[in-house]
N, C-alpha and C. Protein backbone atom coordinates (compact mmCIF):
# COMPACT_ATOMS: atom_id res chain seq x y z
N MET A 1 58.11 101.87 97.94
CA MET A 1 58.06 100.60 97.33
C MET A 1 57.94 99.54 98.74
N PHE A 2 57.21 98.63 98.47
CA PHE A 2 57.21 97.57 99.42
C PHE A 2 57.42 96.40 99.04
N LEU A 3 58.20 95.40 99.79
CA LEU A 3 58.29 94.38 99.54
C LEU A 3 57.75 92.98 100.43
N THR A 4 57.35 91.80 100.11
CA THR A 4 57.16 90.95 100.81
C THR A 4 58.14 90.41 101.64
N ASN A 5 57.86 89.83 103.10
CA ASN A 5 58.75 89.13 103.83
C ASN A 5 58.92 87.62 103.03
N LEU A 6 59.72 86.75 103.81
CA LEU A 6 59.95 85.11 103.17
C LEU A 6 58.41 84.53 102.76
N PHE A 7 57.58 84.74 103.97
CA PHE A 7 56.36 84.13 103.52
C PHE A 7 55.25 84.79 103.14
N GLY A 8 55.59 86.17 102.47
CA GLY A 8 54.58 86.48 101.74
C GLY A 8 53.26 87.16 102.77
N LEU A 9 53.37 87.16 104.02
CA LEU A 9 52.69 87.50 104.86
C LEU A 9 52.15 88.84 105.09
N LYS A 10 53.55 89.68 105.21
CA LYS A 10 53.31 91.04 105.61
C LYS A 10 54.50 91.91 104.68
N LYS A 11 53.82 93.17 104.26
CA LYS A 11 54.30 93.89 103.56
C LYS A 11 55.65 94.75 104.31
N VAL A 12 56.80 94.99 103.80
CA VAL A 12 57.92 95.42 104.35
C VAL A 12 58.29 96.78 103.30
N CYS A 13 58.33 98.15 104.01
CA CYS A 13 58.15 99.11 103.19
C CYS A 13 60.05 99.39 103.17
N THR A 14 60.32 99.97 102.09
CA THR A 14 61.68 99.93 101.60
C THR A 14 62.47 101.66 101.84
N HIS A 15 61.60 102.37 102.25
CA HIS A 15 61.87 103.50 102.38
C HIS A 15 62.50 104.42 101.14
N ASP A 16 62.23 104.04 99.78
CA ASP A 16 62.90 104.61 98.91
C ASP A 16 63.03 106.14 98.67
N LYS A 17 61.59 106.70 99.30
CA LYS A 17 62.17 108.08 98.98
C LYS A 17 62.40 108.95 99.97
N ILE A 18 63.10 108.17 100.88
CA ILE A 18 63.88 108.96 102.09
C ILE A 18 65.43 108.70 101.44
N THR A 19 66.05 109.65 100.56
CA THR A 19 67.23 109.67 99.93
C THR A 19 68.38 109.72 100.88
N PRO A 20 69.63 109.15 100.71
CA PRO A 20 70.77 109.45 101.62
C PRO A 20 71.22 110.41 102.08
N ASP A 21 71.01 111.83 101.18
CA ASP A 21 71.51 113.11 101.56
C ASP A 21 70.44 113.42 102.91
N MET A 22 69.73 113.31 103.13
CA MET A 22 68.60 113.35 104.36
C MET A 22 69.15 112.98 105.70
N ASP A 23 69.02 114.00 106.86
CA ASP A 23 69.41 113.00 108.26
C ASP A 23 68.06 111.97 108.46
N PHE A 24 67.01 112.66 107.99
CA PHE A 24 65.98 112.32 108.92
C PHE A 24 64.87 112.81 107.91
N GLY A 25 63.43 112.13 107.76
CA GLY A 25 62.43 112.46 107.42
C GLY A 25 61.28 111.29 107.45
N TYR A 26 59.80 111.71 107.62
CA TYR A 26 58.81 110.74 107.57
C TYR A 26 58.89 110.36 106.04
N CYS A 27 58.67 108.87 105.75
CA CYS A 27 58.43 108.17 104.67
C CYS A 27 56.92 108.33 104.17
N PRO A 28 56.74 109.04 102.99
CA PRO A 28 55.16 109.10 102.29
C PRO A 28 54.56 107.82 102.19
N ASP A 29 55.20 106.79 101.96
CA ASP A 29 54.71 105.44 101.62
C ASP A 29 54.15 104.88 102.80
N CYS A 30 54.88 104.73 103.94
CA CYS A 30 54.58 104.06 105.36
C CYS A 30 53.64 105.32 106.57
N GLY A 31 54.84 106.48 106.34
CA GLY A 31 54.44 107.37 107.44
C GLY A 31 55.64 107.04 108.66
N LYS A 32 56.71 106.43 108.76
CA LYS A 32 57.09 106.09 109.99
C LYS A 32 58.18 107.26 109.66
N LEU A 33 58.95 107.57 110.67
CA LEU A 33 59.93 108.81 110.80
C LEU A 33 61.30 107.89 110.73
N ILE A 34 61.98 108.07 109.76
CA ILE A 34 63.11 107.51 109.43
C ILE A 34 64.21 108.35 109.50
N LYS A 35 65.39 107.50 110.20
CA LYS A 35 66.72 108.49 110.33
C LYS A 35 67.81 107.49 109.27
N ASN A 36 68.54 108.22 108.42
CA ASN A 36 69.46 107.73 108.29
C ASN A 36 70.97 107.94 108.84
N GLU A 37 71.34 106.52 108.93
CA GLU A 37 72.75 106.30 109.79
C GLU A 37 73.70 105.53 109.02
N TRP A 38 75.13 106.21 109.39
CA TRP A 38 75.87 105.36 108.33
C TRP A 38 77.29 105.11 108.97
N TYR A 39 77.60 103.88 108.69
CA TYR A 39 78.25 103.08 109.81
C TYR A 39 79.50 102.61 108.54
N ILE A 40 80.72 102.35 109.33
CA ILE A 40 81.95 102.02 108.60
C ILE A 40 82.53 101.12 109.49
N THR A 41 83.25 100.28 108.76
CA THR A 41 84.06 99.28 109.36
C THR A 41 85.36 99.39 109.52
N ARG A 42 86.37 98.92 110.75
CA ARG A 42 87.81 99.17 110.62
C ARG A 42 88.10 97.91 111.27
N CYS A 43 89.49 97.71 110.94
CA CYS A 43 90.14 96.37 111.43
C CYS A 43 90.77 97.19 112.87
N SER A 44 90.70 95.97 113.61
CA SER A 44 90.78 96.22 115.01
C SER A 44 92.02 96.23 115.63
N CYS A 45 92.81 95.29 114.60
CA CYS A 45 94.27 95.23 114.96
C CYS A 45 95.18 96.50 114.32
N CYS A 46 94.71 96.68 113.03
CA CYS A 46 95.50 98.13 112.73
C CYS A 46 95.15 99.12 112.04
N GLY A 47 93.63 99.28 112.41
CA GLY A 47 92.71 100.53 111.92
C GLY A 47 92.41 100.87 110.68
N VAL A 48 92.65 99.75 109.70
CA VAL A 48 92.83 100.45 108.21
C VAL A 48 91.19 100.08 108.01
N LYS A 49 90.50 101.08 107.14
CA LYS A 49 89.29 101.23 106.77
C LYS A 49 88.96 99.60 105.61
N VAL A 50 87.84 99.05 106.12
CA VAL A 50 87.39 97.95 105.79
C VAL A 50 86.03 98.02 104.90
N ARG A 51 85.75 97.61 103.35
CA ARG A 51 84.60 97.97 102.93
C ARG A 51 83.41 97.61 103.54
N ALA A 52 82.04 98.00 104.16
CA ALA A 52 81.12 97.53 104.77
C ALA A 52 79.94 97.16 104.09
N ILE A 53 79.49 95.95 104.62
CA ILE A 53 77.60 95.91 104.05
C ILE A 53 77.22 95.07 105.12
N VAL A 54 75.99 95.21 104.73
CA VAL A 54 74.99 94.57 105.58
C VAL A 54 74.32 93.49 105.42
N ARG A 55 74.64 92.60 106.19
CA ARG A 55 74.10 90.99 106.19
C ARG A 55 73.40 90.94 107.59
N ASN A 56 72.32 90.38 107.01
CA ASN A 56 71.12 90.07 108.06
C ASN A 56 70.89 90.82 109.16
N GLY A 57 70.76 92.35 108.86
CA GLY A 57 70.43 93.29 109.75
C GLY A 57 71.78 93.72 110.16
N GLU A 58 72.73 93.45 110.21
CA GLU A 58 73.94 93.61 111.09
C GLU A 58 75.03 94.06 110.20
N VAL A 59 76.00 95.22 110.79
CA VAL A 59 77.13 95.79 109.44
C VAL A 59 78.33 94.76 109.84
N VAL A 60 78.51 94.37 108.85
CA VAL A 60 80.25 93.73 109.29
C VAL A 60 80.77 93.91 107.74
N PRO A 61 81.97 93.71 107.66
CA PRO A 61 83.15 93.80 106.69
C PRO A 61 82.75 92.83 105.34
N GLN A 62 83.23 93.52 104.11
CA GLN A 62 83.00 92.64 103.27
C GLN A 62 83.73 91.58 102.89
N ASN A 63 84.68 91.62 103.17
CA ASN A 63 85.90 90.73 103.34
C ASN A 63 86.18 89.98 104.89
N HIS A 64 86.30 88.45 105.26
CA HIS A 64 86.31 88.21 106.13
C HIS A 64 87.40 88.02 106.66
N TYR A 65 88.73 88.85 106.16
CA TYR A 65 90.00 89.07 106.68
C TYR A 65 90.49 90.24 106.24
N CYS A 66 91.44 91.19 107.19
CA CYS A 66 91.85 92.43 106.93
C CYS A 66 93.02 92.24 105.66
N THR A 67 93.07 92.97 104.78
CA THR A 67 93.90 92.93 103.60
C THR A 67 95.28 93.26 103.97
N ASN A 68 95.26 94.18 104.93
CA ASN A 68 96.36 94.46 105.37
C ASN A 68 97.57 94.12 106.47
N CYS A 69 96.60 93.48 107.31
CA CYS A 69 97.33 92.80 108.50
C CYS A 69 96.87 91.17 108.41
N GLY A 70 95.89 90.99 107.58
CA GLY A 70 94.98 89.22 107.63
C GLY A 70 94.33 89.22 108.91
N SER A 71 93.72 90.20 110.09
CA SER A 71 93.17 89.90 111.10
C SER A 71 91.80 89.75 110.68
N GLU A 72 91.16 88.57 111.24
CA GLU A 72 89.48 88.89 111.31
C GLU A 72 88.74 89.54 112.30
N GLU A 73 89.00 90.19 113.10
CA GLU A 73 88.43 91.23 114.23
C GLU A 73 88.35 92.57 113.27
N TYR A 74 87.20 92.85 113.91
CA TYR A 74 86.60 94.45 113.32
C TYR A 74 86.10 95.21 114.37
N VAL A 75 85.92 96.48 113.96
CA VAL A 75 85.03 97.50 114.87
C VAL A 75 84.37 98.48 114.26
N VAL A 76 83.15 98.29 114.47
CA VAL A 76 82.21 99.17 113.53
C VAL A 76 81.65 100.49 114.17
N GLU A 77 82.12 101.49 113.71
CA GLU A 77 82.07 102.81 113.94
C GLU A 77 80.66 103.52 113.37
N LYS A 78 79.74 104.27 113.80
CA LYS A 78 79.09 105.14 113.27
C LYS A 78 79.47 106.47 113.35
N LEU A 79 79.02 107.22 111.94
CA LEU A 79 79.50 108.40 111.76
C LEU A 79 78.44 109.11 111.97
N ASP A 80 78.88 110.39 112.42
CA ASP A 80 77.61 111.32 112.60
C ASP A 80 77.36 112.04 111.04
N LYS A 81 78.34 112.15 110.43
CA LYS A 81 78.18 112.66 108.80
C LYS A 81 78.81 111.95 107.79
N ILE A 82 78.58 111.81 106.68
CA ILE A 82 79.41 110.95 105.67
C ILE A 82 80.22 111.75 105.05
N ASN A 83 81.47 111.72 104.60
CA ASN A 83 82.19 112.76 103.82
C ASN A 83 82.70 112.11 102.68
N PHE A 84 83.12 112.81 101.40
CA PHE A 84 83.50 111.83 100.30
C PHE A 84 84.85 110.79 100.33
N ILE A 85 85.62 110.97 101.29
CA ILE A 85 86.44 110.11 101.36
C ILE A 85 86.12 108.68 101.94
N ASP A 86 85.18 108.80 102.99
CA ASP A 86 84.43 107.51 103.59
C ASP A 86 83.37 106.74 102.42
N ILE A 87 82.79 107.58 101.58
CA ILE A 87 81.83 107.18 100.89
C ILE A 87 81.73 105.50 100.65
N ASN A 88 83.19 105.51 100.23
CA ASN A 88 83.55 104.20 99.47
C ASN A 88 83.51 102.59 100.35
N TYR A 89 83.43 103.10 101.80
CA TYR A 89 83.53 102.18 102.79
C TYR A 89 82.69 102.20 103.47
N ALA A 90 81.50 103.15 103.52
CA ALA A 90 80.84 102.95 104.45
C ALA A 90 79.16 102.31 103.76
N VAL A 91 78.37 102.09 105.02
CA VAL A 91 77.08 101.42 104.77
C VAL A 91 75.98 102.09 105.04
N LEU A 92 74.93 102.63 104.53
CA LEU A 92 73.72 103.37 104.96
C LEU A 92 72.63 102.39 105.41
N MET A 93 72.31 102.70 106.86
CA MET A 93 70.99 101.78 107.36
C MET A 93 69.96 102.71 107.66
N LYS A 94 68.66 102.70 107.41
CA LYS A 94 67.50 103.41 107.75
C LYS A 94 67.09 102.87 108.74
N LYS A 95 66.83 103.68 109.62
CA LYS A 95 66.50 102.98 111.38
C LYS A 95 65.06 103.87 110.99
N GLU A 96 64.21 102.74 111.70
CA GLU A 96 62.32 103.41 112.03
C GLU A 96 62.40 103.97 113.27
N PHE A 97 61.75 104.95 113.47
CA PHE A 97 61.38 105.25 114.81
C PHE A 97 59.68 105.33 115.03
N ASP A 98 59.19 104.57 116.00
CA ASP A 98 57.86 104.58 116.19
C ASP A 98 57.21 105.65 117.03
N GLN A 99 55.83 105.64 117.46
CA GLN A 99 55.35 106.85 117.67
C GLN A 99 55.53 107.02 118.90
N VAL A 100 56.31 105.75 120.06
CA VAL A 100 56.47 106.11 121.16
C VAL A 100 57.55 107.05 121.21
N GLU A 101 58.93 106.91 120.22
CA GLU A 101 59.91 107.39 120.66
C GLU A 101 59.35 108.85 119.98
N LYS A 102 58.45 109.50 119.08
CA LYS A 102 58.26 110.57 118.56
C LYS A 102 57.39 111.65 119.80
N GLN A 103 57.04 110.71 120.63
CA GLN A 103 56.46 111.51 121.71
C GLN A 103 57.72 111.93 122.78
N ARG A 104 58.54 111.75 122.36
CA ARG A 104 59.62 112.36 123.54
C ARG A 104 60.24 113.73 123.52
N PHE A 105 60.02 114.04 122.07
CA PHE A 105 60.32 115.11 121.42
C PHE A 105 59.35 116.35 122.02
N THR A 106 59.57 117.32 122.88
CA THR A 106 59.06 118.20 123.20
C THR A 106 59.58 119.73 123.42
N THR A 107 58.82 120.66 123.56
CA THR A 107 59.22 122.05 123.42
C THR A 107 58.79 122.71 124.78
N GLN A 108 59.70 123.36 125.15
CA GLN A 108 59.56 123.80 126.81
C GLN A 108 59.96 125.65 126.13
N CYS A 109 59.24 126.28 127.24
CA CYS A 109 59.37 128.06 127.23
C CYS A 109 59.58 128.39 128.31
N TRP A 110 60.55 129.37 128.20
CA TRP A 110 60.85 129.88 129.73
C TRP A 110 60.81 131.13 129.89
N GLN A 111 60.07 132.17 131.16
CA GLN A 111 59.88 133.18 130.84
C GLN A 111 60.34 133.54 132.05
N GLU A 112 60.51 135.36 132.27
CA GLU A 112 61.60 135.41 133.50
C GLU A 112 60.38 135.59 133.99
N ARG A 113 60.49 136.20 135.69
CA ARG A 113 59.45 136.61 136.35
C ARG A 113 59.37 137.60 136.68
N THR A 114 58.06 138.38 136.68
CA THR A 114 57.57 139.70 136.24
C THR A 114 56.51 139.88 137.62
N VAL A 115 56.42 141.51 138.07
CA VAL A 115 55.47 141.24 139.35
C VAL A 115 54.48 140.78 139.16
N SER A 116 53.55 140.81 137.92
CA SER A 116 52.41 139.90 137.63
C SER A 116 52.53 139.00 136.74
N GLN A 117 52.74 137.77 137.51
CA GLN A 117 52.93 136.41 136.98
C GLN A 117 51.84 136.02 136.38
N PRO A 118 51.57 135.59 134.99
CA PRO A 118 50.22 135.28 134.27
C PRO A 118 50.30 133.90 134.29
N LYS A 119 48.80 133.16 134.60
CA LYS A 119 48.73 132.16 134.81
C LYS A 119 49.22 131.11 133.57
N LEU A 120 49.37 129.94 134.13
CA LEU A 120 50.13 128.72 133.29
C LEU A 120 49.19 128.02 132.48
N LEU A 121 49.34 128.17 131.04
CA LEU A 121 48.37 127.64 130.26
C LEU A 121 48.85 125.93 130.22
N LYS A 122 47.56 125.51 130.06
CA LYS A 122 47.69 123.84 130.08
C LYS A 122 47.23 123.23 128.78
């Protein structure tokens, strides 16, 4: 699905077909590589999990103050994998990777030395 930006000049893909259970995948609508990243917020004073939201592209806590100690300081943690305990507190962000970053993935093969060394294919 595509959304237009504030001025209606450029359409922005929302990557709806990349589901939250996928680690990464190519969006069939725009063709970009999308990686799902889960984030959680914690109170920096007492360490209690605080429900996270995305505001202006930044992960922030839903409430401005911790309900446990009243602190307004928080820490954002990136989760490797989401579990059922953290699902109520975590937020999903879909990161786009450009063509330049796709080219960094290379495959290398190593061969043990033999008496007759074959020529390297380029």
